[in-house]
Amino acid sequence: MASLGLQCESRLASLRQVAARMELDACVAESAHDLRSYTTSKPHFFISDDVMAEQVLQQTLQAAMEACGLFQWLIETNATPELHRPFVDFARQKEGEARVLLEFLEQRKHAVSMAESVTVPRSGAPLSPPRGIRQTSQLRQVE
């Protein structure tokens, strides 16, 4: 998730650079601190259970897919050559973000279903994953 946040910051920096090349940098805030914060009608919350985690992940995936669609639309309707490359890069990043979130959701669903089907042995011995299931340390990292 941290890498997704870094990609967002990178997209903003890229837009600032394009604005500077187009001599529009006076229209862009220098940093996030220059932006006025907005208030939301929803209070801040913490994820307290698996059901809530699933809902938040689904909402995040939906938002990433909508953002990807927005960037695709911007590419199709863009008339400013300087913005074409950043929009293409942003669309690819958003596609990657949606793919990462989707893979995470699928792995999470699989892990939950596996955990529900595993019973604790009476001997108190530690559980090992069933054959064919990788240990967490064996999983490849997705970025």
N, C-alpha and C. Protein backbone atom coordinates (compact mmCIF):
# COMPACT_ATOMS: atom_id res chain seq x y z
N MET A 1 0.82 -1.18 0.00
CA MET A 1 0.00 0.00 0.00
C MET A 1 0.87 1.26 0.00
N ALA A 2 2.01 1.18 0.66
CA ALA A 2 2.90 2.33 0.69
C ALA A 2 3.39 2.66 -0.72
N SER A 3 3.66 1.64 -1.53
CA SER A 3 4.14 1.91 -2.88
C SER A 3 3.05 2.55 -3.72
N LEU A 4 1.78 2.23 -3.45
CA LEU A 4 0.68 2.88 -4.17
C LEU A 4 0.62 4.36 -3.81
N GLY A 5 0.88 4.68 -2.56
CA GLY A 5 0.92 6.07 -2.13
C GLY A 5 2.07 6.82 -2.78
N LEU A 6 3.22 6.16 -2.90
CA LEU A 6 4.36 6.79 -3.56
C LEU A 6 4.08 7.04 -5.04
N GLN A 7 3.37 6.12 -5.68
CA GLN A 7 3.00 6.32 -7.08
C GLN A 7 2.11 7.54 -7.23
N CYS A 8 1.19 7.74 -6.31
CA CYS A 8 0.31 8.90 -6.33
C CYS A 8 1.13 10.19 -6.23
N GLU A 9 2.07 10.21 -5.31
CA GLU A 9 2.94 11.38 -5.16
C GLU A 9 3.76 11.61 -6.43
N SER A 10 4.20 10.54 -7.06
CA SER A 10 4.96 10.64 -8.29
C SER A 10 4.10 11.23 -9.41
N ARG A 11 2.83 10.83 -9.48
CA ARG A 11 1.92 11.38 -10.49
C ARG A 11 1.76 12.88 -10.29
N LEU A 12 1.60 13.32 -9.05
CA LEU A 12 1.46 14.75 -8.77
C LEU A 12 2.73 15.52 -9.17
N ALA A 13 3.89 14.96 -8.86
CA ALA A 13 5.15 15.60 -9.23
C ALA A 13 5.28 15.70 -10.75
N SER A 14 4.85 14.67 -11.44
CA SER A 14 4.90 14.67 -12.90
C SER A 14 4.01 15.77 -13.48
N LEU A 15 2.83 15.93 -12.92
CA LEU A 15 1.94 16.99 -13.38
C LEU A 15 2.52 18.37 -13.09
N ARG A 16 3.19 18.52 -11.95
CA ARG A 16 3.84 19.80 -11.64
C ARG A 16 4.94 20.12 -12.66
N GLN A 17 5.71 19.09 -13.06
CA GLN A 17 6.76 19.30 -14.05
C GLN A 17 6.19 19.71 -15.40
N VAL A 18 5.10 19.05 -15.82
CA VAL A 18 4.46 19.41 -17.08
C VAL A 18 3.93 20.83 -17.00
N ALA A 19 3.32 21.19 -15.89
CA ALA A 19 2.81 22.56 -15.72
C ALA A 19 3.94 23.57 -15.81
N ALA A 20 5.08 23.25 -15.24
CA ALA A 20 6.23 24.17 -15.30
C ALA A 20 6.72 24.31 -16.74
N ARG A 21 6.79 23.20 -17.48
CA ARG A 21 7.23 23.27 -18.89
C ARG A 21 6.26 24.09 -19.74
N MET A 22 4.99 24.05 -19.36
CA MET A 22 3.97 24.81 -20.11
C MET A 22 3.81 26.23 -19.55
N GLU A 23 4.66 26.59 -18.60
CA GLU A 23 4.62 27.89 -17.94
C GLU A 23 3.29 28.14 -17.24
N LEU A 24 2.75 27.08 -16.65
CA LEU A 24 1.51 27.16 -15.88
C LEU A 24 1.75 26.84 -14.42
N ASP A 25 3.01 26.85 -14.00
CA ASP A 25 3.32 26.45 -12.64
C ASP A 25 2.73 27.38 -11.59
N ALA A 26 2.36 28.59 -11.95
CA ALA A 26 1.72 29.49 -10.99
C ALA A 26 0.31 28.98 -10.62
N CYS A 27 -0.24 28.12 -11.45
CA CYS A 27 -1.58 27.58 -11.20
C CYS A 27 -1.57 26.35 -10.30
N VAL A 28 -0.38 25.86 -9.96
CA VAL A 28 -0.25 24.61 -9.22
C VAL A 28 0.30 24.88 -7.83
N ALA A 29 -0.32 24.27 -6.82
CA ALA A 29 0.18 24.40 -5.45
C ALA A 29 1.55 23.73 -5.35
N GLU A 30 2.45 24.31 -4.59
CA GLU A 30 3.80 23.77 -4.44
C GLU A 30 3.83 22.44 -3.72
N SER A 31 3.03 22.31 -2.69
CA SER A 31 3.03 21.07 -1.92
C SER A 31 1.63 20.80 -1.39
N ALA A 32 1.46 19.64 -0.83
CA ALA A 32 0.16 19.28 -0.26
C ALA A 32 -0.21 20.21 0.88
N HIS A 33 0.79 20.80 1.52
CA HIS A 33 0.50 21.70 2.63
C HIS A 33 -0.17 22.98 2.17
N ASP A 34 0.04 23.33 0.89
CA ASP A 34 -0.59 24.52 0.34
C ASP A 34 -2.07 24.32 0.05
N LEU A 35 -2.47 23.08 -0.05
CA LEU A 35 -3.86 22.78 -0.36
C LEU A 35 -4.71 22.89 0.90
N ARG A 36 -5.88 23.42 0.75
CA ARG A 36 -6.79 23.50 1.88
C ARG A 36 -7.38 22.12 2.13
N SER A 37 -7.37 21.72 3.38
CA SER A 37 -7.95 20.41 3.67
C SER A 37 -9.47 20.54 3.60
N TYR A 38 -10.09 19.46 3.29
CA TYR A 38 -11.53 19.46 3.20
C TYR A 38 -12.09 18.61 4.32
N THR A 39 -13.27 18.92 4.72
CA THR A 39 -13.91 18.13 5.76
C THR A 39 -14.86 17.16 5.10
N THR A 40 -14.96 16.02 5.68
CA THR A 40 -15.88 15.02 5.16
C THR A 40 -17.02 14.84 6.13
N SER A 41 -18.11 14.39 5.61
CA SER A 41 -19.26 14.15 6.47
C SER A 41 -19.11 12.85 7.25
N LYS A 42 -18.21 11.98 6.77
CA LYS A 42 -18.01 10.71 7.45
C LYS A 42 -16.88 10.85 8.47
N PRO A 43 -17.08 10.37 9.68
CA PRO A 43 -15.98 10.42 10.66
C PRO A 43 -14.92 9.37 10.31
N HIS A 44 -13.71 9.61 10.79
CA HIS A 44 -12.62 8.66 10.59
C HIS A 44 -12.94 7.37 11.35
N PHE A 45 -12.56 6.26 10.80
CA PHE A 45 -12.82 4.99 11.46
C PHE A 45 -11.62 4.07 11.32
N PHE A 46 -11.61 3.06 12.16
CA PHE A 46 -10.59 2.02 12.10
C PHE A 46 -11.25 0.75 11.62
N ILE A 47 -10.51 -0.04 10.88
CA ILE A 47 -11.03 -1.32 10.42
C ILE A 47 -10.98 -2.27 11.59
N SER A 48 -12.15 -2.75 11.98
CA SER A 48 -12.24 -3.51 13.22
C SER A 48 -12.48 -5.00 13.02
N ASP A 49 -12.83 -5.44 11.81
CA ASP A 49 -13.05 -6.87 11.60
C ASP A 49 -12.87 -7.21 10.12
N ASP A 50 -12.95 -8.49 9.82
CA ASP A 50 -12.71 -8.96 8.45
C ASP A 50 -13.77 -8.46 7.47
N VAL A 51 -15.00 -8.35 7.93
CA VAL A 51 -16.08 -7.89 7.05
C VAL A 51 -15.81 -6.44 6.62
N MET A 52 -15.43 -5.62 7.58
CA MET A 52 -15.13 -4.22 7.27
C MET A 52 -13.90 -4.13 6.36
N ALA A 53 -12.91 -4.95 6.61
CA ALA A 53 -11.71 -4.96 5.77
C ALA A 53 -12.07 -5.30 4.33
N GLU A 54 -12.92 -6.29 4.16
CA GLU A 54 -13.38 -6.71 2.83
C GLU A 54 -14.10 -5.56 2.13
N GLN A 55 -14.97 -4.86 2.85
CA GLN A 55 -15.71 -3.74 2.27
C GLN A 55 -14.77 -2.62 1.83
N VAL A 56 -13.81 -2.28 2.68
CA VAL A 56 -12.88 -1.20 2.35
C VAL A 56 -12.01 -1.59 1.15
N LEU A 57 -11.56 -2.83 1.10
CA LEU A 57 -10.78 -3.28 -0.04
C LEU A 57 -11.60 -3.24 -1.32
N GLN A 58 -12.86 -3.66 -1.25
CA GLN A 58 -13.73 -3.62 -2.43
C GLN A 58 -13.93 -2.18 -2.90
N GLN A 59 -14.14 -1.26 -1.96
CA GLN A 59 -14.31 0.15 -2.32
C GLN A 59 -13.04 0.72 -2.93
N THR A 60 -11.90 0.33 -2.40
CA THR A 60 -10.62 0.81 -2.93
C THR A 60 -10.39 0.28 -4.33
N LEU A 61 -10.72 -0.98 -4.56
CA LEU A 61 -10.60 -1.57 -5.89
C LEU A 61 -11.53 -0.85 -6.87
N GLN A 62 -12.76 -0.58 -6.46
CA GLN A 62 -13.70 0.13 -7.32
C GLN A 62 -13.18 1.51 -7.67
N ALA A 63 -12.63 2.22 -6.69
CA ALA A 63 -12.08 3.56 -6.93
C ALA A 63 -10.90 3.50 -7.91
N ALA A 64 -10.04 2.50 -7.77
CA ALA A 64 -8.90 2.35 -8.68
C ALA A 64 -9.37 2.08 -10.10
N MET A 65 -10.40 1.26 -10.24
CA MET A 65 -10.93 0.97 -11.57
C MET A 65 -11.58 2.20 -12.19
N GLU A 66 -12.27 2.99 -11.38
CA GLU A 66 -12.87 4.23 -11.89
C GLU A 66 -11.79 5.23 -12.29
N ALA A 67 -10.72 5.33 -11.51
CA ALA A 67 -9.62 6.23 -11.85
C ALA A 67 -8.94 5.79 -13.13
N CYS A 68 -8.81 4.50 -13.32
CA CYS A 68 -8.23 3.97 -14.55
C CYS A 68 -9.09 4.38 -15.75
N GLY A 69 -10.39 4.26 -15.60
CA GLY A 69 -11.31 4.68 -16.65
C GLY A 69 -11.20 6.17 -16.93
N LEU A 70 -11.04 6.96 -15.88
CA LEU A 70 -10.88 8.40 -16.06
C LEU A 70 -9.62 8.71 -16.87
N PHE A 71 -8.52 8.07 -16.53
CA PHE A 71 -7.28 8.33 -17.27
C PHE A 71 -7.39 7.86 -18.71
N GLN A 72 -8.08 6.76 -18.95
CA GLN A 72 -8.30 6.31 -20.34
C GLN A 72 -9.10 7.36 -21.10
N TRP A 73 -10.11 7.92 -20.46
CA TRP A 73 -10.92 8.96 -21.08
C TRP A 73 -10.07 10.21 -21.34
N LEU A 74 -9.21 10.58 -20.38
CA LEU A 74 -8.34 11.73 -20.57
C LEU A 74 -7.39 11.53 -21.76
N ILE A 75 -6.89 10.31 -21.91
CA ILE A 75 -6.01 10.01 -23.05
C ILE A 75 -6.77 10.21 -24.36
N GLU A 76 -7.99 9.71 -24.41
CA GLU A 76 -8.78 9.78 -25.64
C GLU A 76 -9.19 11.20 -25.99
N THR A 77 -9.41 12.04 -25.00
CA THR A 77 -9.92 13.39 -25.26
C THR A 77 -8.86 14.47 -25.14
N ASN A 78 -7.65 14.10 -24.79
CA ASN A 78 -6.58 15.08 -24.57
C ASN A 78 -6.17 15.75 -25.88
N ALA A 79 -6.04 17.08 -25.85
CA ALA A 79 -5.57 17.83 -27.01
C ALA A 79 -4.22 18.51 -26.72
N THR A 80 -3.63 18.20 -25.58
CA THR A 80 -2.36 18.81 -25.19
C THR A 80 -1.26 17.75 -25.25
N PRO A 81 -0.37 17.84 -26.23
CA PRO A 81 0.66 16.81 -26.40
C PRO A 81 1.52 16.58 -25.15
N GLU A 82 1.79 17.62 -24.39
CA GLU A 82 2.63 17.49 -23.20
C GLU A 82 1.99 16.59 -22.14
N LEU A 83 0.68 16.45 -22.18
CA LEU A 83 -0.01 15.64 -21.18
C LEU A 83 -0.21 14.18 -21.60
N HIS A 84 0.05 13.88 -22.88
CA HIS A 84 -0.21 12.52 -23.35
C HIS A 84 0.60 11.48 -22.58
N ARG A 85 1.92 11.65 -22.50
CA ARG A 85 2.78 10.66 -21.83
C ARG A 85 2.42 10.51 -20.36
N PRO A 86 2.23 11.61 -19.58
CA PRO A 86 1.83 11.42 -18.18
C PRO A 86 0.50 10.67 -18.05
N PHE A 87 -0.47 10.98 -18.92
CA PHE A 87 -1.76 10.29 -18.83
C PHE A 87 -1.61 8.80 -19.13
N VAL A 88 -0.78 8.45 -20.11
CA VAL A 88 -0.55 7.03 -20.42
C VAL A 88 0.11 6.34 -19.23
N ASP A 89 1.12 7.00 -18.65
CA ASP A 89 1.79 6.43 -17.48
C ASP A 89 0.82 6.27 -16.31
N PHE A 90 -0.03 7.27 -16.09
CA PHE A 90 -0.99 7.22 -14.99
C PHE A 90 -1.98 6.07 -15.20
N ALA A 91 -2.45 5.90 -16.43
CA ALA A 91 -3.39 4.81 -16.72
C ALA A 91 -2.74 3.46 -16.43
N ARG A 92 -1.48 3.30 -16.83
CA ARG A 92 -0.77 2.03 -16.56
C ARG A 92 -0.61 1.81 -15.05
N GLN A 93 -0.27 2.88 -14.33
CA GLN A 93 -0.12 2.75 -12.88
C GLN A 93 -1.44 2.37 -12.23
N LYS A 94 -2.52 2.98 -12.67
CA LYS A 94 -3.83 2.66 -12.09
C LYS A 94 -4.26 1.24 -12.43
N GLU A 95 -3.94 0.78 -13.64
CA GLU A 95 -4.22 -0.61 -14.00
C GLU A 95 -3.43 -1.55 -13.09
N GLY A 96 -2.17 -1.21 -12.86
CA GLY A 96 -1.34 -2.01 -11.95
C GLY A 96 -1.88 -1.99 -10.53
N GLU A 97 -2.33 -0.83 -10.09
CA GLU A 97 -2.91 -0.72 -8.75
C GLU A 97 -4.15 -1.59 -8.62
N ALA A 98 -5.02 -1.54 -9.62
CA ALA A 98 -6.23 -2.37 -9.58
C ALA A 98 -5.86 -3.85 -9.59
N ARG A 99 -4.84 -4.22 -10.37
CA ARG A 99 -4.41 -5.62 -10.43
C ARG A 99 -3.87 -6.08 -9.08
N VAL A 100 -3.05 -5.24 -8.43
CA VAL A 100 -2.50 -5.58 -7.12
C VAL A 100 -3.62 -5.76 -6.10
N LEU A 101 -4.58 -4.83 -6.10
CA LEU A 101 -5.69 -4.92 -5.15
C LEU A 101 -6.53 -6.17 -5.41
N LEU A 102 -6.78 -6.47 -6.69
CA LEU A 102 -7.56 -7.65 -7.03
C LEU A 102 -6.83 -8.92 -6.60
N GLU A 103 -5.52 -9.00 -6.86
CA GLU A 103 -4.75 -10.16 -6.42
C GLU A 103 -4.76 -10.30 -4.91
N PHE A 104 -4.64 -9.18 -4.22
CA PHE A 104 -4.66 -9.20 -2.76
C PHE A 104 -6.01 -9.72 -2.26
N LEU A 105 -7.09 -9.23 -2.85
CA LEU A 105 -8.42 -9.70 -2.45
C LEU A 105 -8.58 -11.20 -2.69
N GLU A 106 -8.10 -11.67 -3.83
CA GLU A 106 -8.20 -13.09 -4.15
C GLU A 106 -7.37 -13.93 -3.17
N GLN A 107 -6.15 -13.48 -2.86
CA GLN A 107 -5.32 -14.21 -1.90
C GLN A 107 -5.96 -14.22 -0.53
N ARG A 108 -6.54 -13.10 -0.16
CA ARG A 108 -7.19 -12.97 1.15
C ARG A 108 -8.39 -13.92 1.24
N LYS A 109 -9.20 -13.95 0.19
CA LYS A 109 -10.36 -14.85 0.18
C LYS A 109 -9.91 -16.30 0.28
N HIS A 110 -8.85 -16.63 -0.46
CA HIS A 110 -8.33 -18.00 -0.42
C HIS A 110 -7.81 -18.33 0.98
N ALA A 111 -7.08 -17.40 1.58
CA ALA A 111 -6.53 -17.64 2.92
C ALA A 111 -7.65 -17.80 3.95
N VAL A 112 -8.70 -16.99 3.84
CA VAL A 112 -9.82 -17.09 4.78
C VAL A 112 -10.52 -18.42 4.61
N SER A 113 -10.75 -18.85 3.36
CA SER A 113 -11.42 -20.13 3.15
C SER A 113 -10.56 -21.29 3.63
N MET A 114 -9.23 -21.17 3.46
CA MET A 114 -8.33 -22.22 3.95
C MET A 114 -8.33 -22.26 5.47
N ALA A 115 -8.33 -21.10 6.10
CA ALA A 115 -8.32 -21.03 7.56
C ALA A 115 -9.60 -21.62 8.13
N GLU A 116 -10.71 -21.40 7.45
CA GLU A 116 -11.98 -21.94 7.94
C GLU A 116 -12.04 -23.45 7.82
N SER A 117 -11.31 -24.01 6.82
CA SER A 117 -11.36 -25.46 6.61
C SER A 117 -10.32 -26.22 7.42
N VAL A 118 -9.35 -25.53 8.01
CA VAL A 118 -8.29 -26.18 8.79
C VAL A 118 -8.74 -26.30 10.25
N THR A 119 -8.54 -27.46 10.82
CA THR A 119 -8.85 -27.65 12.24
C THR A 119 -7.54 -27.76 13.01
N VAL A 120 -7.56 -27.32 14.22
CA VAL A 120 -6.37 -27.36 15.07
C VAL A 120 -6.17 -28.79 15.56
N PRO A 121 -4.95 -29.35 15.42
CA PRO A 121 -4.70 -30.70 15.92
C PRO A 121 -4.75 -30.75 17.44
N ARG A 122 -5.19 -31.87 17.98
CA ARG A 122 -5.31 -32.01 19.43
C ARG A 122 -3.95 -32.04 20.11
N SER A 123 -2.93 -32.42 19.41
CA SER A 123 -1.60 -32.53 20.02
C SER A 123 -0.99 -31.18 20.36
N GLY A 124 -1.57 -30.12 19.81
CA GLY A 124 -1.01 -28.80 20.05
C GLY A 124 0.16 -28.49 19.13
N ALA A 125 0.43 -29.40 18.18
CA ALA A 125 1.52 -29.17 17.24
C ALA A 125 1.18 -28.00 16.33
N PRO A 126 2.19 -27.26 15.91
CA PRO A 126 1.91 -26.14 15.02
C PRO A 126 1.34 -26.61 13.69
N LEU A 127 0.49 -25.80 13.12
CA LEU A 127 -0.11 -26.14 11.84
C LEU A 127 0.87 -25.85 10.71
N SER A 128 0.91 -26.74 9.75
CA SER A 128 1.67 -26.46 8.54
C SER A 128 0.65 -26.37 7.42
N PRO A 129 0.94 -25.59 6.40
CA PRO A 129 -0.05 -25.45 5.34
C PRO A 129 -0.23 -26.76 4.60
N PRO A 130 -1.41 -26.97 4.04
CA PRO A 130 -1.64 -28.18 3.25
C PRO A 130 -0.68 -28.24 2.07
N ARG A 131 -0.50 -29.43 1.52
CA ARG A 131 0.40 -29.61 0.38
C ARG A 131 0.01 -28.69 -0.75
N GLY A 132 1.01 -28.07 -1.36
CA GLY A 132 0.76 -27.19 -2.50
C GLY A 132 0.54 -25.74 -2.09
N ILE A 133 0.32 -25.48 -0.81
CA ILE A 133 0.13 -24.11 -0.35
C ILE A 133 1.47 -23.60 0.16
N ARG A 134 1.86 -22.43 -0.30
CA ARG A 134 3.16 -21.88 0.08
C ARG A 134 3.12 -21.18 1.43
N GLN A 135 4.24 -21.27 2.11
CA GLN A 135 4.41 -20.50 3.33
C GLN A 135 4.46 -19.03 2.94
N THR A 136 4.14 -18.13 3.85
CA THR A 136 4.19 -16.70 3.58
C THR A 136 5.56 -16.28 3.09
N SER A 137 6.62 -16.86 3.63
CA SER A 137 7.98 -16.49 3.25
C SER A 137 8.30 -16.93 1.82
N GLN A 138 7.53 -17.86 1.25
CA GLN A 138 7.77 -18.34 -0.10
C GLN A 138 7.02 -17.53 -1.16
N LEU A 139 6.08 -16.70 -0.76
CA LEU A 139 5.29 -15.94 -1.72
C LEU A 139 6.13 -14.83 -2.32
N ARG A 140 5.94 -14.58 -3.58
CA ARG A 140 6.67 -13.49 -4.22
C ARG A 140 5.99 -12.18 -3.87
N GLN A 141 6.79 -11.14 -3.79
CA GLN A 141 6.24 -9.83 -3.50
C GLN A 141 5.72 -9.22 -4.78
N VAL A 142 4.55 -8.61 -4.70
CA VAL A 142 3.95 -7.94 -5.85
C VAL A 142 4.06 -6.46 -5.63
N GLU A 143 4.63 -5.76 -6.59
CA GLU A 143 4.77 -4.31 -6.47
C GLU A 143 4.05 -3.64 -7.59
